[in-house]
Amino acid sequence: MEQNTPITGRIHSVETFGLVDGPGVRYVLFVQGCAMRCRYCHNPETWPCTIGEQQTPAQALQKALRYRTYWKNNGGLTVSGGEPLLQIDFVSELFRLAKLQGVHTTLDTAGQPYTTAEPFYSKFETLMQNTDLVMLDLKAFYPDRHKALTGCDNTPILDMARWMGEHGKSMWIRHVLVPGLTDDEAELREMSDFIKSLGSVRRVEVLPYHTLGLFKWEKLGITYSLDGVQPPSEEAVQRAEELLCIKEYPDFKK
């Protein structure tokens, strides 16, 4: 009898003591592959889908569980990227196994691969059954600005956010603030209204743009189109936080 090919994922790297990738202390698994080309991406080396260490979900979980003593009662496992939804079979099985061990699971995603077409949609529904929290990046709200910033349409991302709101899936929303690109006040107000309409968002975070990954672009020989753009001021970040009403959400981080 022919045996099924085992599910494997392509892993870029891990962080064993993550503090910003979900509640508590997290074991963060960064997977390889992303279809978006965000102009400020600090991990452009994760874009290719065909490289990275291959692991089965069981192997990945076994490595994560070595650090379980650090998680205590409020930590767990986060899968980030790259874009985890491009490896949905791997992440879904990993989270299924994790929940059997009582591990809190967080999906850190930009949502771009989302579709209601099959077979993705059924796989997504299965994944959500074993996902405790979704950290969703909203890069921009206006479609033309999102396209210019990432190279991709944001319709699937907003559709995915609506699905999670309709199904009561806990979300943290994050927005990277780039001066002159993602700090338009009218757009932030509309984004805020959209976030409020979802009903299951528990935290909203504004992440200041930084240039810490610029050396990676240079090393890979990729032109960095934001060269010369400076991080936002503290005042600009505070204004964005006000516009996005971050203090109104249950998991607001003081």
Protein backbone atom coordinates (compact mmCIF):
# COMPACT_ATOMS: atom_id res chain seq x y z
CA MET A 1 0.00 0.00 0.00
CA GLU A 2 1.27 3.46 -0.92
CA GLN A 3 1.98 5.68 2.06
CA ASN A 4 0.93 9.32 2.12
CA THR A 5 3.73 11.86 1.93
CA PRO A 6 4.22 13.33 5.41
CA ILE A 7 3.36 17.01 5.90
CA THR A 8 6.42 19.19 6.29
CA GLY A 9 6.98 22.89 6.71
CA ARG A 10 9.88 25.06 5.64
CA ILE A 11 11.28 26.85 8.67
CA HIS A 12 13.29 30.04 8.54
CA SER A 13 14.19 30.38 12.22
CA VAL A 14 12.86 30.25 15.79
CA GLU A 15 12.82 32.55 18.79
CA THR A 16 12.66 30.73 22.09
CA PHE A 17 11.76 33.66 24.35
CA GLY A 18 9.46 35.95 22.39
CA LEU A 19 7.74 38.70 24.36
CA VAL A 20 5.86 40.61 21.62
CA ASP A 21 4.32 37.82 19.58
CA GLY A 22 1.24 37.03 21.62
CA PRO A 23 0.37 36.82 25.33
CA GLY A 24 3.10 35.85 27.77
CA VAL A 25 6.37 34.23 26.80
CA ARG A 26 6.20 32.69 23.32
CA TYR A 27 8.12 30.12 21.34
CA VAL A 28 8.01 31.74 17.90
CA LEU A 29 8.37 29.68 14.76
CA PHE A 30 9.15 31.76 11.66
CA VAL A 31 8.17 29.95 8.48
CA GLN A 32 9.55 30.59 5.04
CA GLY A 33 7.68 32.15 2.12
CA CYS A 34 5.64 35.30 1.50
CA ALA A 35 3.82 36.66 -1.56
CA MET A 36 3.76 40.24 -0.29
CA ARG A 37 6.64 42.62 -0.92
CA CYS A 38 6.23 45.18 1.83
CA ARG A 39 8.52 48.11 1.19
CA TYR A 40 9.62 48.18 4.85
CA CYS A 41 9.91 44.39 5.37
CA HIS A 42 12.61 43.60 7.93
CA ASN A 43 12.81 39.92 6.94
CA PRO A 44 13.11 39.91 3.11
CA GLU A 45 15.09 36.69 3.33
CA THR A 46 11.83 34.92 4.22
CA TRP A 47 10.22 35.72 0.85
CA PRO A 48 11.35 32.60 -1.11
CA CYS A 49 9.11 29.57 -0.53
CA THR A 50 11.58 26.89 -1.61
CA ILE A 51 14.31 27.27 1.02
CA GLY A 52 14.48 26.71 4.78
CA GLU A 53 14.82 23.68 7.03
CA GLN A 54 12.07 21.14 6.49
CA GLN A 55 10.34 19.81 9.61
CA THR A 56 7.23 17.79 10.29
CA PRO A 57 4.65 19.29 12.66
CA ALA A 58 5.58 16.71 15.30
CA GLN A 59 9.26 17.62 15.05
CA ALA A 60 8.50 21.33 15.30
CA LEU A 61 6.28 20.86 18.35
CA GLN A 62 8.80 18.61 20.07
CA LYS A 63 11.42 21.36 19.78
CA ALA A 64 8.97 23.96 21.07
CA LEU A 65 7.96 21.90 24.10
CA ARG A 66 11.55 21.94 25.37
CA TYR A 67 10.89 25.55 26.39
CA ARG A 68 7.49 25.01 27.98
CA THR A 69 8.75 25.77 31.47
CA TYR A 70 9.22 29.41 30.40
CA TRP A 71 5.59 29.80 29.28
CA LYS A 72 4.03 29.25 32.70
CA ASN A 73 0.25 29.84 32.52
CA ASN A 74 0.01 32.52 29.85
CA GLY A 75 2.57 31.79 27.13
CA GLY A 76 2.66 29.35 24.27
CA LEU A 77 3.43 28.81 20.60
CA THR A 78 3.29 31.46 17.86
CA VAL A 79 3.77 30.78 14.15
CA SER A 80 4.95 33.81 12.19
CA GLY A 81 6.81 34.34 8.96
CA GLY A 82 7.02 34.94 6.16
CA GLU A 83 3.37 34.13 5.77
CA PRO A 84 2.13 31.07 7.72
CA LEU A 85 -1.03 30.69 5.62
CA LEU A 86 1.12 29.74 2.63
CA GLN A 87 1.97 26.60 4.63
CA ILE A 88 -1.52 26.06 5.97
CA ASP A 89 -1.37 22.24 6.06
CA PHE A 90 1.76 22.33 8.20
CA VAL A 91 0.49 25.03 10.57
CA SER A 92 -2.92 23.37 10.93
CA GLU A 93 -1.41 20.03 11.95
CA LEU A 94 1.12 21.74 14.23
CA PHE A 95 -1.66 23.59 16.05
CA ARG A 96 -3.78 20.46 16.28
CA LEU A 97 -0.93 18.63 17.99
CA ALA A 98 -0.22 21.65 20.19
CA LYS A 99 -3.80 21.82 21.44
CA LEU A 100 -3.63 18.12 22.36
CA GLN A 101 -0.79 19.16 24.67
CA GLY A 102 -2.77 22.09 26.08
CA VAL A 103 -0.56 24.69 24.38
CA HIS A 104 -1.91 28.19 23.60
CA THR A 105 -1.61 28.85 19.86
CA THR A 106 -1.20 32.17 18.06
CA LEU A 107 -1.15 32.77 14.30
CA ASP A 108 0.79 35.87 13.21
CA THR A 109 -0.37 36.63 9.68
CA ALA A 110 -0.90 39.32 7.06
CA GLY A 111 -3.89 37.37 5.74
CA GLN A 112 -3.10 37.89 2.06
CA PRO A 113 -3.59 34.26 0.91
CA TYR A 114 -7.13 34.13 2.36
CA THR A 115 -9.88 33.02 -0.01
CA THR A 116 -13.27 31.36 0.23
CA ALA A 117 -12.31 29.13 -2.70
CA GLU A 118 -11.54 25.48 -2.06
CA PRO A 119 -9.46 23.73 -0.96
CA PHE A 120 -8.06 26.69 1.03
CA TYR A 121 -11.30 27.66 2.76
CA SER A 122 -11.96 24.29 4.37
CA LYS A 123 -8.33 24.11 5.47
CA PHE A 124 -8.62 27.59 6.97
CA GLU A 125 -11.73 26.63 8.94
CA THR A 126 -9.89 23.60 10.32
CA LEU A 127 -6.89 25.72 11.27
CA MET A 128 -9.10 28.20 13.11
CA GLN A 129 -10.55 25.40 15.25
CA ASN A 130 -7.12 25.03 16.87
CA THR A 131 -6.06 28.70 16.85
CA ASP A 132 -6.54 30.64 20.08
CA LEU A 133 -5.46 34.05 18.82
CA VAL A 134 -4.83 35.66 15.44
CA MET A 135 -2.40 38.56 15.19
CA LEU A 136 -3.38 40.30 11.97
CA ASP A 137 -1.32 42.99 10.26
CA LEU A 138 -3.29 45.76 8.59
CA LYS A 139 -0.64 47.43 6.45
CA ALA A 140 -2.96 50.04 4.96
CA PHE A 141 -6.72 50.46 4.61
CA TYR A 142 -7.12 52.19 1.27
CA PRO A 143 -6.69 49.62 -1.54
CA ASP A 144 -4.47 51.80 -3.74
CA ARG A 145 -2.11 52.58 -0.88
CA HIS A 146 -1.98 48.95 0.18
CA LYS A 147 -1.09 47.91 -3.38
CA ALA A 148 1.64 50.54 -3.59
CA LEU A 149 3.03 49.54 -0.21
CA THR A 150 2.93 45.73 -0.51
CA GLY A 151 2.36 44.87 -4.17
CA CYS A 152 -0.86 43.06 -3.22
CA ASP A 153 -4.58 43.76 -2.96
CA ASN A 154 -5.96 44.02 0.57
CA THR A 155 -9.44 42.66 -0.22
CA PRO A 156 -8.57 39.12 1.01
CA ILE A 157 -7.09 40.56 4.21
CA LEU A 158 -10.18 42.58 5.06
CA ASP A 159 -12.41 39.63 4.13
CA MET A 160 -10.44 37.42 6.52
CA ALA A 161 -10.79 39.99 9.29
CA ARG A 162 -14.55 40.07 8.72
CA TRP A 163 -14.70 36.25 8.86
CA MET A 164 -12.92 36.23 12.20
CA GLY A 165 -15.22 38.91 13.54
CA GLU A 166 -18.30 36.98 12.42
CA HIS A 167 -16.97 33.82 14.07
CA GLY A 168 -15.85 35.50 17.30
CA LYS A 169 -12.18 34.71 16.78
CA SER A 170 -9.93 36.70 19.11
CA MET A 171 -7.66 39.10 17.25
CA TRP A 172 -4.84 41.51 17.89
CA ILE A 173 -4.51 44.07 15.10
CA ARG A 174 -1.14 45.64 14.30
CA HIS A 175 -0.31 48.58 12.07
CA VAL A 176 3.19 49.68 11.10
CA LEU A 177 3.42 53.47 11.09
CA VAL A 178 5.57 54.75 8.22
CA PRO A 179 5.87 58.54 7.88
CA GLY A 180 4.31 59.72 4.63
CA LEU A 181 2.92 56.28 3.77
CA THR A 182 0.72 54.83 6.52
CA ASP A 183 0.09 57.82 8.78
CA ASP A 184 -2.74 59.57 6.92
CA GLU A 185 -5.27 60.64 9.56
CA ALA A 186 -8.36 60.11 7.40
CA GLU A 187 -7.23 56.60 6.52
CA LEU A 188 -6.44 55.77 10.14
CA ARG A 189 -9.91 56.92 11.17
CA GLU A 190 -11.52 54.65 8.58
CA MET A 191 -9.28 51.79 9.64
CA SER A 192 -10.34 52.39 13.23
CA ASP A 193 -14.03 52.25 12.27
CA PHE A 194 -13.41 48.99 10.43
CA ILE A 195 -11.57 47.46 13.38
CA LYS A 196 -14.38 48.45 15.77
CA SER A 197 -16.95 46.85 13.47
CA LEU A 198 -15.28 43.43 13.76
CA GLY A 199 -16.34 42.88 17.36
CA SER A 200 -13.68 40.33 18.35
CA VAL A 201 -10.55 42.52 18.40
CA ARG A 202 -8.88 42.47 21.79
CA ARG A 203 -5.82 44.64 21.14
CA VAL A 204 -4.65 47.22 18.61
CA GLU A 205 -0.96 48.09 18.37
CA VAL A 206 0.93 50.76 16.45
CA LEU A 207 4.41 49.59 15.50
CA PRO A 208 6.84 52.40 14.61
CA TYR A 209 8.67 51.92 11.30
CA HIS A 210 12.37 51.14 11.73
CA THR A 211 15.36 50.47 9.51
CA LEU A 212 16.91 47.58 11.45
CA GLY A 213 16.44 45.22 8.50
CA LEU A 214 18.00 47.52 5.89
CA PHE A 215 21.29 45.58 5.91
CA LYS A 216 19.40 42.48 4.79
CA TRP A 217 18.11 44.25 1.67
CA GLU A 218 21.64 45.36 0.90
CA LYS A 219 23.02 41.87 1.46
CA LEU A 220 20.38 40.39 -0.88
CA GLY A 221 21.01 43.06 -3.50
CA ILE A 222 17.42 44.35 -3.36
CA THR A 223 16.77 48.06 -3.87
CA TYR A 224 15.29 49.61 -0.73
CA SER A 225 12.72 52.15 -1.89
CA LEU A 226 12.29 53.76 1.54
CA ASP A 227 15.94 54.76 1.84
CA GLY A 228 16.07 58.03 3.77
CA VAL A 229 12.67 57.62 5.46
CA GLN A 230 13.10 58.17 9.18
CA PRO A 231 11.18 56.42 12.00
CA PRO A 232 8.11 58.32 13.21
CA SER A 233 8.36 60.67 16.16
CA GLU A 234 6.92 59.70 19.53
CA GLU A 235 4.22 62.32 18.98
CA ALA A 236 3.27 60.79 15.63
CA VAL A 237 2.98 57.34 17.19
CA GLN A 238 0.81 58.70 20.00
CA ARG A 239 -1.44 60.45 17.48
CA ALA A 240 -1.88 57.22 15.50
CA GLU A 241 -2.69 55.39 18.72
CA GLU A 242 -5.34 57.99 19.51
CA LEU A 243 -6.88 57.69 16.04
CA LEU A 244 -6.96 53.89 16.30
CA CYS A 245 -8.45 54.11 19.81
CA ILE A 246 -6.05 51.51 21.20
CA LYS A 247 -7.10 52.13 24.81
CA GLU A 248 -10.64 50.93 24.12
CA TYR A 249 -9.68 47.27 23.65
CA PRO A 250 -9.72 44.63 26.44
CA ASP A 251 -6.07 43.57 26.09
CA PHE A 252 -4.73 47.15 25.94
CA LYS A 253 -1.09 47.13 26.97
CA LYS A 254 -0.32 50.02 29.28
